[in-house]
Amino acid sequence: MVVRVRLPFGVYRLLRESVPNVSGCLRRLVIEFLEKLPSYLELEEFRLELEVARIGEELERVHRLQRLILKHGSYAEAYLQELKGGIVWDRKPHYLPKGLRPELKPEELLTVSDIVEYREALAKLLVEKTARLIQLKKSKLKNLKGGEKSHE
């Protein structure tokens, strides 16, 4: 869903200059605002929707960081070596067979390992929250269907 928001030009310019992703910043602000509403604490489904959205955004953010670290670190050096040697692979390094992948620097390997562990923990949490959310939605759907039959 796309929602358009009107902001004074000066406010938008300040946001654009201050944050790398204006849309992401606004999404986070809206979610933080919604979490402060009294209905957030009362409605489990509403709370779960927000938590699932937040976890999804965090997963995307850390995955992007992981790709950036590799792309502009060891993979960039390997690409440069390929160019110097006249051979350029048309695939990303992580899709190459094991012997052809560039070797990662130790600090990159540690950081990427930590990111992968964090992503796995987030994914586990996302599965738990999504499973509960789907249970609630299915239950609500059953109640709606049952309510329609009783009105006939």
Protein backbone atom coordinates (compact mmCIF):
# COMPACT_ATOMS: atom_id res chain seq x y z
CA MET A 1 0.00 0.00 0.00
CA VAL A 2 1.27 3.46 -0.82
CA VAL A 3 0.43 6.39 1.41
CA ARG A 4 1.33 9.90 0.38
CA VAL A 5 2.21 12.50 2.96
CA ARG A 6 2.56 16.22 2.45
CA LEU A 7 5.42 17.87 4.25
CA PRO A 8 6.67 21.42 4.06
CA PHE A 9 9.61 21.59 1.65
CA GLY A 10 12.05 22.63 4.37
CA VAL A 11 11.08 19.67 6.58
CA TYR A 12 11.43 17.23 3.70
CA ARG A 13 14.79 18.70 2.68
CA LEU A 14 16.05 18.38 6.26
CA LEU A 15 14.88 14.76 6.41
CA ARG A 16 16.47 13.95 3.05
CA GLU A 17 19.77 15.46 4.17
CA SER A 18 19.68 13.82 7.60
CA VAL A 19 18.53 10.24 6.98
CA PRO A 20 19.56 7.82 4.25
CA ASN A 21 16.02 6.49 3.72
CA VAL A 22 13.18 8.98 4.28
CA SER A 23 10.44 6.39 3.70
CA GLY A 24 12.02 3.95 6.16
CA CYS A 25 12.40 6.71 8.73
CA LEU A 26 8.75 7.72 8.39
CA ARG A 27 7.63 4.07 8.63
CA ARG A 28 9.62 3.64 11.86
CA LEU A 29 8.14 6.85 13.30
CA VAL A 30 4.60 5.72 12.50
CA ILE A 31 5.19 2.29 14.05
CA GLU A 32 6.71 3.86 17.18
CA PHE A 33 3.70 6.18 17.43
CA LEU A 34 1.25 3.30 17.02
CA GLU A 35 3.03 1.31 19.72
CA LYS A 36 2.28 4.12 22.18
CA LEU A 37 -1.46 4.00 21.53
CA PRO A 38 -3.58 2.36 24.26
CA SER A 39 -5.08 -0.02 21.69
CA TYR A 40 -1.59 -1.39 21.02
CA LEU A 41 -1.48 -3.01 24.44
CA GLU A 42 -5.06 -4.27 24.24
CA LEU A 43 -5.14 -5.85 20.78
CA GLU A 44 -2.78 -8.77 20.32
CA GLU A 45 -3.34 -8.90 16.56
CA PHE A 46 -2.53 -5.19 16.16
CA ARG A 47 0.61 -5.57 18.28
CA LEU A 48 1.74 -8.63 16.31
CA GLU A 49 1.20 -6.85 12.97
CA LEU A 50 3.53 -4.07 14.12
CA GLU A 51 6.11 -6.48 15.55
CA VAL A 52 6.16 -8.53 12.34
CA ALA A 53 6.61 -5.36 10.28
CA ARG A 54 9.45 -4.17 12.51
CA ILE A 55 11.24 -7.54 12.43
CA GLY A 56 10.88 -7.68 8.63
CA GLU A 57 12.42 -4.25 8.24
CA GLU A 58 15.27 -5.13 10.58
CA LEU A 59 15.96 -8.33 8.62
CA GLU A 60 16.12 -6.36 5.38
CA ARG A 61 18.39 -3.74 6.95
CA VAL A 62 20.96 -6.18 8.34
CA HIS A 63 20.92 -8.27 5.14
CA ARG A 64 21.67 -5.10 3.18
CA LEU A 65 24.59 -4.38 5.54
CA GLN A 66 25.91 -7.88 5.00
CA ARG A 67 25.76 -7.49 1.21
CA LEU A 68 27.49 -4.11 1.41
CA ILE A 69 30.31 -5.47 3.56
CA LEU A 70 31.00 -8.28 1.12
CA LYS A 71 30.40 -6.36 -2.09
CA HIS A 72 32.69 -3.49 -1.16
CA GLY A 73 35.21 -5.57 0.78
CA SER A 74 36.71 -8.85 -0.36
CA TYR A 75 34.39 -9.22 -3.35
CA ALA A 76 35.50 -5.83 -4.69
CA GLU A 77 39.14 -6.87 -4.46
CA ALA A 78 38.39 -10.16 -6.25
CA TYR A 79 36.52 -8.30 -8.98
CA LEU A 80 39.49 -5.99 -9.49
CA GLN A 81 41.83 -8.98 -9.77
CA GLU A 82 39.51 -10.51 -12.39
CA LEU A 83 39.59 -7.27 -14.37
CA LYS A 84 43.39 -7.15 -14.23
CA GLY A 85 43.54 -10.76 -15.40
CA GLY A 86 41.06 -10.15 -18.18
CA ILE A 87 38.48 -12.59 -16.80
CA VAL A 88 35.18 -11.21 -15.56
CA TRP A 89 32.55 -13.53 -14.13
CA ASP A 90 28.98 -12.66 -14.94
CA ARG A 91 27.81 -13.98 -11.56
CA LYS A 92 28.02 -12.57 -8.08
CA PRO A 93 30.87 -14.13 -6.07
CA HIS A 94 28.57 -15.95 -3.63
CA TYR A 95 27.01 -17.86 -6.57
CA LEU A 96 30.39 -19.09 -7.81
CA PRO A 97 31.60 -22.61 -7.05
CA LYS A 98 33.41 -22.89 -3.74
CA GLY A 99 36.96 -22.88 -5.15
CA LEU A 100 36.33 -19.75 -7.23
CA ARG A 101 34.88 -17.56 -4.48
CA PRO A 102 37.16 -14.87 -3.09
CA GLU A 103 38.56 -15.48 0.36
CA LEU A 104 37.06 -13.19 2.98
CA LYS A 105 39.18 -11.07 5.28
CA PRO A 106 39.05 -12.34 8.90
CA GLU A 107 37.26 -9.21 10.18
CA GLU A 108 34.64 -9.51 7.42
CA LEU A 109 34.10 -13.17 8.22
CA LEU A 110 33.56 -12.40 11.92
CA THR A 111 31.16 -9.55 11.17
CA VAL A 112 29.21 -11.51 8.57
CA SER A 113 29.03 -14.51 10.94
CA ASP A 114 27.58 -12.25 13.64
CA ILE A 115 25.10 -10.78 11.17
CA VAL A 116 24.02 -14.26 10.04
CA GLU A 117 23.48 -15.34 13.66
CA TYR A 118 21.44 -12.19 14.30
CA ARG A 119 19.41 -12.76 11.11
CA GLU A 120 18.71 -16.36 12.17
CA ALA A 121 17.49 -15.18 15.58
CA LEU A 122 15.29 -12.55 13.92
CA ALA A 123 13.93 -15.13 11.47
CA LYS A 124 13.05 -17.47 14.35
CA LEU A 125 11.25 -14.63 16.12
CA LEU A 126 9.48 -13.71 12.87
CA VAL A 127 8.25 -17.29 12.46
CA GLU A 128 6.89 -17.34 16.02
CA LYS A 129 5.13 -13.97 15.72
CA THR A 130 3.77 -14.74 12.25
CA ALA A 131 2.46 -18.15 13.34
CA ARG A 132 0.56 -16.53 16.23
CA LEU A 133 -0.71 -13.75 13.97
CA ILE A 134 -2.00 -16.28 11.43
CA GLN A 135 -3.73 -18.23 14.22
CA LEU A 136 -5.52 -15.06 15.32
CA LYS A 137 -6.51 -14.18 11.76
CA LYS A 138 -7.80 -17.70 11.06
CA SER A 139 -9.77 -17.63 14.31
CA LYS A 140 -11.27 -14.27 13.39
CA LEU A 141 -12.16 -15.59 9.95
CA LYS A 142 -13.89 -18.63 11.48
CA ASN A 143 -15.84 -16.33 13.79
CA LEU A 144 -16.88 -14.17 10.84
CA LYS A 145 -18.00 -17.18 8.83
CA GLY A 146 -19.84 -18.61 11.83
CA GLY A 147 -21.53 -15.25 12.43
CA GLU A 148 -22.71 -15.03 8.83
CA LYS A 149 -24.34 -18.48 9.04
CA SER A 150 -26.23 -17.57 12.20
CA HIS A 151 -27.72 -14.47 10.52
CA GLU A 152 -29.14 -16.44 7.58
